[in-house]
Amino acid sequence: MNRNLIIGSTLTAVFLLLAAASFFWTPYDIQSLDIPNKLQSPSGGNLLGTDHFGRDILSMIMMGARTSIAVALVAVGIGMAIGVPLGLLAAARHGSLLDELIMRGNDLVFAFPSLVIAILITAVFGASAVNAIIAIGIFNIPVFARLSRAAALPLWERDFILAARVCGKSPTRISIEHILPNMTNLMIVQGTIQFSLGILAEAALSYIGLGAQPPTASWGRMLADAQTLVSIAPHTALVPGFAILLMVLGLNLMGDGLRDWLDPRIRVTRA
């Protein structure tokens, strides 16, 4: 039994369910202000308390989960959709000018963290969740490109690839039919890791005002609003902080568990 996979999947599933439920129901309307009941401690009426506008924090957490998951998921999708083909192309043309250009382009993007990229994009187009997705997605591209290239290069030396080349298959067809299926497990594991990093990046961007904008709920925005209220109402900062912690922990544990489960060498060793 893979304990990390079970715990990680459970934590992740809880937040996914909260995010899915927010499309249809939340305990309270997050756009409805209730100033007389602001900064209330957790109680039967408000299970996680209220914020400085009297909004129900549980409802904010549910809506914030939807925002964080959507931003991270789309950003990882962008990284995989562009980065994996680039890595496969570089591996297929190993040692060529094209390979060198792709890798040096990846190094150039790596020189600018997602936060810097977000600041540059925001300066031109303005702060929004869409621009946060673009910034995080751009940063994910070289991650998947380098990983897929590194995973594909050893496969090009294998006998079954030599047999495919002898049969007259093109490098593109070999990459799609033979290389990609043999590195899918690695991409899945890396995807969960980048997903957790995307959650952190979205929270960081929203915290400094470069992510989702009000009235859209965001865990990072909740932390930013609560930073001056810690001594008065600590729950306003602790709840979104723990939400980020548990979500990222769940994804990391799930990624670690998937790695162990999908890698037969590790399964045999532990058996």
C-alpha atoms as a PDB file:
ATOM      1  CA  MET A   1       0.000   0.000   0.000  1.00  0.00           C
ATOM      2  CA  ASN A   2       1.438   3.379  -1.049  1.00  0.00           C
ATOM      3  CA  ARG A   3       0.797   5.660   1.925  1.00  0.00           C
ATOM      4  CA  ASN A   4       2.034   8.844   0.224  1.00  0.00           C
ATOM      5  CA  LEU A   5      -0.242   8.278  -2.751  1.00  0.00           C
ATOM      6  CA  ILE A   6      -3.286   7.660  -0.542  1.00  0.00           C
ATOM      7  CA  ILE A   7      -2.710  10.686   1.707  1.00  0.00           C
ATOM      8  CA  GLY A   8      -1.788  12.962  -1.183  1.00  0.00           C
ATOM      9  CA  SER A   9      -4.718  11.873  -3.323  1.00  0.00           C
ATOM     10  CA  THR A  10      -7.116  12.348  -0.399  1.00  0.00           C
ATOM     11  CA  LEU A  11      -5.922  15.880   0.351  1.00  0.00           C
ATOM     12  CA  THR A  12      -5.995  16.810  -3.328  1.00  0.00           C
ATOM     13  CA  ALA A  13      -9.457  15.289  -3.796  1.00  0.00           C
ATOM     14  CA  VAL A  14     -10.847  17.336  -0.886  1.00  0.00           C
ATOM     15  CA  PHE A  15      -9.792  20.616  -2.471  1.00  0.00           C
ATOM     16  CA  LEU A  16     -10.927  19.494  -5.910  1.00  0.00           C
ATOM     17  CA  LEU A  17     -14.350  18.705  -4.456  1.00  0.00           C
ATOM     18  CA  LEU A  18     -14.478  22.095  -2.697  1.00  0.00           C
ATOM     19  CA  ALA A  19     -13.582  23.819  -5.949  1.00  0.00           C
ATOM     20  CA  ALA A  20     -16.166  21.813  -7.907  1.00  0.00           C
ATOM     21  CA  ALA A  21     -18.860  22.473  -5.294  1.00  0.00           C
ATOM     22  CA  SER A  22     -18.222  26.232  -5.482  1.00  0.00           C
ATOM     23  CA  PHE A  23     -19.638  26.261  -9.017  1.00  0.00           C
ATOM     24  CA  PHE A  24     -23.045  25.318  -7.590  1.00  0.00           C
ATOM     25  CA  TRP A  25     -23.059  26.171  -3.884  1.00  0.00           C
ATOM     26  CA  THR A  26     -21.200  28.040  -1.151  1.00  0.00           C
ATOM     27  CA  PRO A  27     -22.431  28.604   2.416  1.00  0.00           C
ATOM     28  CA  TYR A  28     -22.635  32.365   1.764  1.00  0.00           C
ATOM     29  CA  ASP A  29     -22.312  34.751  -1.166  1.00  0.00           C
ATOM     30  CA  ILE A  30     -18.728  36.070  -1.092  1.00  0.00           C
ATOM     31  CA  GLN A  31     -19.830  39.327  -2.744  1.00  0.00           C
ATOM     32  CA  SER A  32     -22.316  40.011   0.032  1.00  0.00           C
ATOM     33  CA  LEU A  33     -20.719  42.198   2.739  1.00  0.00           C
ATOM     34  CA  ASP A  34     -21.762  41.959   6.391  1.00  0.00           C
ATOM     35  CA  ILE A  35     -19.722  44.640   8.146  1.00  0.00           C
ATOM     36  CA  PRO A  36     -21.437  44.285  11.575  1.00  0.00           C
ATOM     37  CA  ASN A  37     -20.209  40.664  11.713  1.00  0.00           C
ATOM     38  CA  LYS A  38     -16.670  41.274  10.476  1.00  0.00           C
ATOM     39  CA  LEU A  39     -13.690  39.392  11.977  1.00  0.00           C
ATOM     40  CA  GLN A  40     -15.898  36.873  13.760  1.00  0.00           C
ATOM     41  CA  SER A  41     -14.126  33.800  15.129  1.00  0.00           C
ATOM     42  CA  PRO A  42     -15.102  30.338  13.829  1.00  0.00           C
ATOM     43  CA  SER A  43     -18.584  29.422  15.018  1.00  0.00           C
ATOM     44  CA  GLY A  44     -21.613  27.358  14.096  1.00  0.00           C
ATOM     45  CA  GLY A  45     -22.841  30.024  11.699  1.00  0.00           C
ATOM     46  CA  ASN A  46     -19.440  30.589  10.087  1.00  0.00           C
ATOM     47  CA  LEU A  47     -17.344  27.446  10.452  1.00  0.00           C
ATOM     48  CA  LEU A  48     -14.075  29.233   9.634  1.00  0.00           C
ATOM     49  CA  GLY A  49     -15.080  32.718  10.781  1.00  0.00           C
ATOM     50  CA  THR A  50     -15.457  35.923   8.777  1.00  0.00           C
ATOM     51  CA  ASP A  51     -12.980  38.372   7.239  1.00  0.00           C
ATOM     52  CA  HIS A  52     -12.657  42.163   7.529  1.00  0.00           C
ATOM     53  CA  PHE A  53     -15.694  42.647   5.283  1.00  0.00           C
ATOM     54  CA  GLY A  54     -17.828  40.110   7.142  1.00  0.00           C
ATOM     55  CA  ARG A  55     -17.566  37.561   4.319  1.00  0.00           C
ATOM     56  CA  ASP A  56     -17.648  33.871   5.197  1.00  0.00           C
ATOM     57  CA  ILE A  57     -14.073  32.523   5.041  1.00  0.00           C
ATOM     58  CA  LEU A  58     -15.166  28.970   4.189  1.00  0.00           C
ATOM     59  CA  SER A  59     -16.968  30.310   1.117  1.00  0.00           C
ATOM     60  CA  MET A  60     -13.856  32.332   0.230  1.00  0.00           C
ATOM     61  CA  ILE A  61     -11.682  29.225   0.584  1.00  0.00           C
ATOM     62  CA  MET A  62     -13.960  27.273  -1.733  1.00  0.00           C
ATOM     63  CA  MET A  63     -13.933  30.008  -4.382  1.00  0.00           C
ATOM     64  CA  GLY A  64     -10.200  30.529  -3.895  1.00  0.00           C
ATOM     65  CA  ALA A  65      -9.579  26.818  -4.471  1.00  0.00           C
ATOM     66  CA  ARG A  66     -11.345  27.128  -7.811  1.00  0.00           C
ATOM     67  CA  THR A  67      -9.162  30.082  -8.801  1.00  0.00           C
ATOM     68  CA  SER A  68      -5.875  28.513  -7.702  1.00  0.00           C
ATOM     69  CA  ILE A  69      -6.578  25.137  -9.283  1.00  0.00           C
ATOM     70  CA  ALA A  70      -7.767  26.672 -12.551  1.00  0.00           C
ATOM     71  CA  VAL A  71      -4.712  28.948 -12.865  1.00  0.00           C
ATOM     72  CA  ALA A  72      -2.224  26.186 -11.975  1.00  0.00           C
ATOM     73  CA  LEU A  73      -3.927  23.557 -14.155  1.00  0.00           C
ATOM     74  CA  VAL A  74      -4.049  25.732 -17.276  1.00  0.00           C
ATOM     75  CA  ALA A  75      -0.487  26.959 -16.706  1.00  0.00           C
ATOM     76  CA  VAL A  76       0.819  23.389 -16.407  1.00  0.00           C
ATOM     77  CA  GLY A  77      -1.174  22.455 -19.499  1.00  0.00           C
ATOM     78  CA  ILE A  78       0.515  25.264 -21.424  1.00  0.00           C
ATOM     79  CA  GLY A  79       3.926  24.123 -20.210  1.00  0.00           C
ATOM     80  CA  MET A  80       3.314  20.514 -21.226  1.00  0.00           C
ATOM     81  CA  ALA A  81       1.641  21.315 -24.554  1.00  0.00           C
ATOM     82  CA  ILE A  82       4.589  23.433 -25.700  1.00  0.00           C
ATOM     83  CA  GLY A  83       7.512  22.111 -23.663  1.00  0.00           C
ATOM     84  CA  VAL A  84       7.149  18.388 -24.364  1.00  0.00           C
ATOM     85  CA  PRO A  85       7.085  18.744 -28.178  1.00  0.00           C
ATOM     86  CA  LEU A  86      10.076  21.085 -27.993  1.00  0.00           C
ATOM     87  CA  GLY A  87      11.985  18.555 -25.875  1.00  0.00           C
ATOM     88  CA  LEU A  88      11.112  15.706 -28.238  1.00  0.00           C
ATOM     89  CA  LEU A  89      12.182  17.804 -31.225  1.00  0.00           C
ATOM     90  CA  ALA A  90      15.486  18.707 -29.557  1.00  0.00           C
ATOM     91  CA  ALA A  91      16.164  15.050 -28.722  1.00  0.00           C
ATOM     92  CA  ALA A  92      15.334  13.935 -32.269  1.00  0.00           C
ATOM     93  CA  ARG A  93      17.774  16.547 -33.617  1.00  0.00           C
ATOM     94  CA  HIS A  94      20.381  15.984 -30.912  1.00  0.00           C
ATOM     95  CA  GLY A  95      23.637  17.811 -31.618  1.00  0.00           C
ATOM     96  CA  SER A  96      22.158  19.971 -34.366  1.00  0.00           C
ATOM     97  CA  LEU A  97      21.766  23.736 -34.491  1.00  0.00           C
ATOM     98  CA  LEU A  98      18.046  23.354 -33.790  1.00  0.00           C
ATOM     99  CA  ASP A  99      18.776  21.404 -30.607  1.00  0.00           C
ATOM    100  CA  GLU A 100      21.194  24.105 -29.488  1.00  0.00           C
ATOM    101  CA  LEU A 101      18.713  26.900 -30.204  1.00  0.00           C
ATOM    102  CA  ILE A 102      15.920  25.179 -28.261  1.00  0.00           C
ATOM    103  CA  MET A 103      18.125  24.541 -25.235  1.00  0.00           C
ATOM    104  CA  ARG A 104      19.587  28.044 -25.180  1.00  0.00           C
ATOM    105  CA  GLY A 105      16.080  29.453 -25.483  1.00  0.00           C
ATOM    106  CA  ASN A 106      15.087  27.393 -22.452  1.00  0.00           C
ATOM    107  CA  ASP A 107      18.073  28.746 -20.537  1.00  0.00           C
ATOM    108  CA  LEU A 108      16.980  32.275 -21.408  1.00  0.00           C
ATOM    109  CA  VAL A 109      13.480  31.715 -20.017  1.00  0.00           C
ATOM    110  CA  PHE A 110      14.943  30.076 -16.898  1.00  0.00           C
ATOM    111  CA  ALA A 111      16.895  33.274 -16.256  1.00  0.00           C
ATOM    112  CA  PHE A 112      13.604  35.040 -15.516  1.00  0.00           C
ATOM    113  CA  PRO A 113      11.526  33.571 -12.646  1.00  0.00           C
ATOM    114  CA  SER A 114       7.753  33.457 -13.071  1.00  0.00           C
ATOM    115  CA  LEU A 115       7.407  36.448 -10.745  1.00  0.00           C
ATOM    116  CA  VAL A 116       9.642  38.592 -12.958  1.00  0.00           C
ATOM    117  CA  ILE A 117       7.803  37.393 -16.078  1.00  0.00           C
ATOM    118  CA  ALA A 118       4.491  38.268 -14.378  1.00  0.00           C
ATOM    119  CA  ILE A 119       5.732  41.765 -13.559  1.00  0.00           C
ATOM    120  CA  LEU A 120       6.784  42.288 -17.178  1.00  0.00           C
ATOM    121  CA  ILE A 121       3.444  41.015 -18.515  1.00  0.00           C
ATOM    122  CA  THR A 122       1.489  43.048 -15.951  1.00  0.00           C
ATOM    123  CA  ALA A 123       3.368  46.210 -16.859  1.00  0.00           C
ATOM    124  CA  VAL A 124       2.143  45.816 -20.442  1.00  0.00           C
ATOM    125  CA  PHE A 125      -1.311  44.213 -20.125  1.00  0.00           C
ATOM    126  CA  GLY A 126      -2.325  44.828 -16.500  1.00  0.00           C
ATOM    127  CA  ALA A 127      -2.818  42.502 -13.508  1.00  0.00           C
ATOM    128  CA  SER A 128      -5.265  39.609 -13.955  1.00  0.00           C
ATOM    129  CA  ALA A 129      -5.618  35.868 -13.497  1.00  0.00           C
ATOM    130  CA  VAL A 130      -5.146  35.369 -17.247  1.00  0.00           C
ATOM    131  CA  ASN A 131      -1.786  37.142 -17.175  1.00  0.00           C
ATOM    132  CA  ALA A 132      -0.783  35.060 -14.143  1.00  0.00           C
ATOM    133  CA  ILE A 133      -1.587  31.923 -16.168  1.00  0.00           C
ATOM    134  CA  ILE A 134       0.556  33.176 -19.050  1.00  0.00           C
ATOM    135  CA  ALA A 135       3.476  33.984 -16.746  1.00  0.00           C
ATOM    136  CA  ILE A 136       3.406  30.639 -14.928  1.00  0.00           C
ATOM    137  CA  GLY A 137       2.818  28.778 -18.197  1.00  0.00           C
ATOM    138  CA  ILE A 138       5.839  30.406 -19.855  1.00  0.00           C
ATOM    139  CA  PHE A 139       7.998  29.401 -16.906  1.00  0.00           C
ATOM    140  CA  ASN A 140       6.747  25.795 -17.156  1.00  0.00           C
ATOM    141  CA  ILE A 141       7.701  25.429 -20.818  1.00  0.00           C
ATOM    142  CA  PRO A 142      11.479  25.011 -20.310  1.00  0.00           C
ATOM    143  CA  VAL A 143      10.874  22.692 -17.335  1.00  0.00           C
ATOM    144  CA  PHE A 144       9.013  20.182 -19.497  1.00  0.00           C
ATOM    145  CA  ALA A 145      11.246  20.783 -22.506  1.00  0.00           C
ATOM    146  CA  ARG A 146      14.435  19.968 -20.607  1.00  0.00           C
ATOM    147  CA  LEU A 147      12.891  16.990 -18.835  1.00  0.00           C
ATOM    148  CA  SER A 148      11.408  15.473 -21.992  1.00  0.00           C
ATOM    149  CA  ARG A 149      14.676  15.943 -23.881  1.00  0.00           C
ATOM    150  CA  ALA A 150      16.645  14.299 -21.069  1.00  0.00           C
ATOM    151  CA  ALA A 151      14.167  11.397 -20.940  1.00  0.00           C
ATOM    152  CA  ALA A 152      14.078  10.957 -24.727  1.00  0.00           C
ATOM    153  CA  LEU A 153      17.826  10.956 -25.440  1.00  0.00           C
ATOM    154  CA  PRO A 154      18.556   7.522 -23.850  1.00  0.00           C
ATOM    155  CA  LEU A 155      15.545   6.041 -25.630  1.00  0.00           C
ATOM    156  CA  TRP A 156      16.979   6.969 -29.028  1.00  0.00           C
ATOM    157  CA  GLU A 157      19.823   4.526 -28.327  1.00  0.00           C
ATOM    158  CA  ARG A 158      17.505   1.583 -27.624  1.00  0.00           C
ATOM    159  CA  ASP A 159      17.154  -1.357 -30.008  1.00  0.00           C
ATOM    160  CA  PHE A 160      13.427  -0.899 -30.622  1.00  0.00           C
ATOM    161  CA  ILE A 161      14.088   2.647 -31.842  1.00  0.00           C
ATOM    162  CA  LEU A 162      16.817   1.336 -34.156  1.00  0.00           C
ATOM    163  CA  ALA A 163      14.315  -1.186 -35.503  1.00  0.00           C
ATOM    164  CA  ALA A 164      11.789   1.590 -36.122  1.00  0.00           C
ATOM    165  CA  ARG A 165      14.396   3.607 -38.008  1.00  0.00           C
ATOM    166  CA  VAL A 166      15.303   0.590 -40.113  1.00  0.00           C
ATOM    167  CA  CYS A 167      11.619   0.274 -41.025  1.00  0.00           C
ATOM    168  CA  GLY A 168      11.810   3.765 -42.473  1.00  0.00           C
ATOM    169  CA  LYS A 169       9.873   5.674 -39.856  1.00  0.00           C
ATOM    170  CA  SER A 170      10.599   9.401 -39.656  1.00  0.00           C
ATOM    171  CA  PRO A 171      12.001  10.980 -36.464  1.00  0.00           C
ATOM    172  CA  THR A 172       8.674  12.729 -35.891  1.00  0.00           C
ATOM    173  CA  ARG A 173       6.712   9.496 -36.126  1.00  0.00           C
ATOM    174  CA  ILE A 174       9.202   7.681 -33.889  1.00  0.00           C
ATOM    175  CA  SER A 175       8.936  10.452 -31.305  1.00  0.00           C
ATOM    176  CA  ILE A 176       5.136  10.253 -31.251  1.00  0.00           C
ATOM    177  CA  GLU A 177       4.666   6.485 -31.500  1.00  0.00           C
ATOM    178  CA  HIS A 178       7.630   5.174 -29.493  1.00  0.00           C
ATOM    179  CA  ILE A 179       9.425   7.874 -27.477  1.00  0.00           C
ATOM    180  CA  LEU A 180       6.444   9.728 -26.000  1.00  0.00           C
ATOM    181  CA  PRO A 181       4.598   6.640 -24.648  1.00  0.00           C
ATOM    182  CA  ASN A 182       7.754   5.549 -22.834  1.00  0.00           C
ATOM    183  CA  MET A 183       8.080   8.835 -20.956  1.00  0.00           C
ATOM    184  CA  THR A 184       4.415   9.430 -20.113  1.00  0.00           C
ATOM    185  CA  ASN A 185       4.842   8.272 -16.519  1.00  0.00           C
ATOM    186  CA  LEU A 186       7.647  10.755 -15.962  1.00  0.00           C
ATOM    187  CA  MET A 187       5.562  13.584 -17.414  1.00  0.00           C
ATOM    188  CA  ILE A 188       2.639  12.714 -15.128  1.00  0.00           C
ATOM    189  CA  VAL A 189       4.819  12.842 -12.030  1.00  0.00           C
ATOM    190  CA  GLN A 190       6.449  16.091 -13.107  1.00  0.00           C
ATOM    191  CA  GLY A 191       3.025  17.496 -13.898  1.00  0.00           C
ATOM    192  CA  THR A 192       1.870  17.005 -10.297  1.00  0.00           C
ATOM    193  CA  ILE A 193       5.019  18.710  -9.034  1.00  0.00           C
ATOM    194  CA  GLN A 194       4.568  21.678 -11.370  1.00  0.00           C
ATOM    195  CA  PHE A 195       0.889  21.786 -10.380  1.00  0.00           C
ATOM    196  CA  SER A 196       1.869  22.304  -6.739  1.00  0.00           C
ATOM    197  CA  LEU A 197       4.412  24.950  -7.738  1.00  0.00           C
ATOM    198  CA  GLY A 198       1.700  26.608  -9.813  1.00  0.00           C
ATOM    199  CA  ILE A 199      -0.533  26.822  -6.729  1.00  0.00           C
ATOM    200  CA  LEU A 200       2.300  28.528  -4.838  1.00  0.00           C
ATOM    201  CA  ALA A 201       3.088  30.844  -7.748  1.00  0.00           C
ATOM    202  CA  GLU A 202      -0.564  31.882  -8.111  1.00  0.00           C
ATOM    203  CA  ALA A 203      -0.798  32.606  -4.394  1.00  0.00           C
ATOM    204  CA  ALA A 204       2.423  34.636  -4.495  1.00  0.00           C
ATOM    205  CA  LEU A 205       1.287  36.654  -7.516  1.00  0.00           C
ATOM    206  CA  SER A 206      -2.125  37.338  -5.970  1.00  0.00           C
ATOM    207  CA  TYR A 207      -0.453  38.289  -2.676  1.00  0.00           C
ATOM    208  CA  ILE A 208       1.465  41.113  -4.355  1.00  0.00           C
ATOM    209  CA  GLY A 209      -1.502  42.130  -6.482  1.00  0.00           C
ATOM    210  CA  LEU A 210      -0.453  40.617  -9.810  1.00  0.00           C
ATOM    211  CA  GLY A 211      -2.850  37.669  -9.872  1.00  0.00           C
ATOM    212  CA  ALA A 212      -6.613  37.370  -9.617  1.00  0.00           C
ATOM    213  CA  GLN A 213      -8.259  40.734  -8.946  1.00  0.00           C
ATOM    214  CA  PRO A 214     -11.250  41.487  -6.671  1.00  0.00           C
ATOM    215  CA  PRO A 215     -14.008  40.395  -6.497  1.00  0.00           C
ATOM    216  CA  THR A 216     -12.463  37.065  -7.614  1.00  0.00           C
ATOM    217  CA  ALA A 217     -11.457  35.101  -4.520  1.00  0.00           C
ATOM    218  CA  SER A 218      -7.838  33.999  -4.181  1.00  0.00           C
ATOM    219  CA  TRP A 219      -5.895  32.456  -1.320  1.00  0.00           C
ATOM    220  CA  GLY A 220      -2.978  34.806  -1.923  1.00  0.00           C
ATOM    221  CA  ARG A 221      -5.286  37.821  -1.877  1.00  0.00           C
ATOM    222  CA  MET A 222      -6.815  36.566   1.382  1.00  0.00           C
ATOM    223  CA  LEU A 223      -3.341  36.420   2.937  1.00  0.00           C
ATOM    224  CA  ALA A 224      -2.549  39.922   1.714  1.00  0.00           C
ATOM    225  CA  ASP A 225      -5.773  41.290   3.212  1.00  0.00           C
ATOM    226  CA  ALA A 226      -5.122  39.508   6.523  1.00  0.00           C
ATOM    227  CA  GLN A 227      -1.495  40.562   7.033  1.00  0.00           C
ATOM    228  CA  THR A 228      -2.469  43.546   9.204  1.00  0.00           C
ATOM    229  CA  LEU A 229      -5.095  41.560  11.118  1.00  0.00           C
ATOM    230  CA  VAL A 230      -2.977  38.714  12.481  1.00  0.00           C
ATOM    231  CA  SER A 231      -2.934  40.064  16.037  1.00  0.00           C
ATOM    232  CA  ILE A 232      -6.669  40.852  15.978  1.00  0.00           C
ATOM    233  CA  ALA A 233      -8.109  37.926  14.029  1.00  0.00           C
ATOM    234  CA  PRO A 234      -5.390  35.323  13.375  1.00  0.00           C
ATOM    235  CA  HIS A 235      -7.860  32.948  11.706  1.00  0.00           C
ATOM    236  CA  THR A 236      -8.085  35.275   8.698  1.00  0.00           C
ATOM    237  CA  ALA A 237      -4.443  34.478   7.884  1.00  0.00           C
ATOM    238  CA  LEU A 238      -4.172  30.950   9.273  1.00  0.00           C
ATOM    239  CA  VAL A 239      -7.051  29.487   7.257  1.00  0.00           C
ATOM    240  CA  PRO A 240      -5.834  30.475   3.747  1.00  0.00           C
ATOM    241  CA  GLY A 241      -2.250  29.729   4.807  1.00  0.00           C
ATOM    242  CA  PHE A 242      -3.162  26.197   5.846  1.00  0.00           C
ATOM    243  CA  ALA A 243      -5.239  25.773   2.675  1.00  0.00           C
ATOM    244  CA  ILE A 244      -2.163  26.525   0.555  1.00  0.00           C
ATOM    245  CA  LEU A 245      -0.008  24.289   2.761  1.00  0.00           C
ATOM    246  CA  LEU A 246      -2.355  21.307   2.603  1.00  0.00           C
ATOM    247  CA  MET A 247      -2.996  21.637  -1.136  1.00  0.00           C
ATOM    248  CA  VAL A 248       0.705  21.799  -1.972  1.00  0.00           C
ATOM    249  CA  LEU A 249       1.504  19.005   0.497  1.00  0.00           C
ATOM    250  CA  GLY A 250      -1.193  16.806  -1.028  1.00  0.00           C
ATOM    251  CA  LEU A 251       0.088  17.342  -4.566  1.00  0.00           C
ATOM    252  CA  ASN A 252       3.695  16.678  -3.564  1.00  0.00           C
ATOM    253  CA  LEU A 253       2.770  13.500  -1.699  1.00  0.00           C
ATOM    254  CA  MET A 254       0.654  12.375  -4.634  1.00  0.00           C
ATOM    255  CA  GLY A 255       3.548  13.043  -7.030  1.00  0.00           C
ATOM    256  CA  ASP A 256       5.933  11.095  -4.819  1.00  0.00           C
ATOM    257  CA  GLY A 257       3.435   8.250  -4.538  1.00  0.00           C
ATOM    258  CA  LEU A 258       2.832   8.186  -8.291  1.00  0.00           C
ATOM    259  CA  ARG A 259       6.565   7.997  -8.897  1.00  0.00           C
ATOM    260  CA  ASP A 260       6.851   4.960  -6.637  1.00  0.00           C
ATOM    261  CA  TRP A 261       3.745   3.339  -8.087  1.00  0.00           C
ATOM    262  CA  LEU A 262       4.630   3.908 -11.745  1.00  0.00           C
ATOM    263  CA  ASP A 263       8.310   2.952 -11.449  1.00  0.00           C
ATOM    264  CA  PRO A 264       8.574  -0.874 -11.421  1.00  0.00           C
ATOM    265  CA  ARG A 265      12.169  -0.743 -10.141  1.00  0.00           C
ATOM    266  CA  ILE A 266      11.065   1.008  -6.947  1.00  0.00           C
ATOM    267  CA  ARG A 267       8.124  -1.375  -6.504  1.00  0.00           C
ATOM    268  CA  VAL A 268      10.439  -4.378  -6.776  1.00  0.00           C
ATOM    269  CA  THR A 269      12.949  -2.869  -4.343  1.00  0.00           C
ATOM    270  CA  ARG A 270      10.293  -2.147  -1.717  1.00  0.00           C
ATOM    271  CA  ALA A 271       8.690  -5.525  -2.186  1.00  0.00           C
END
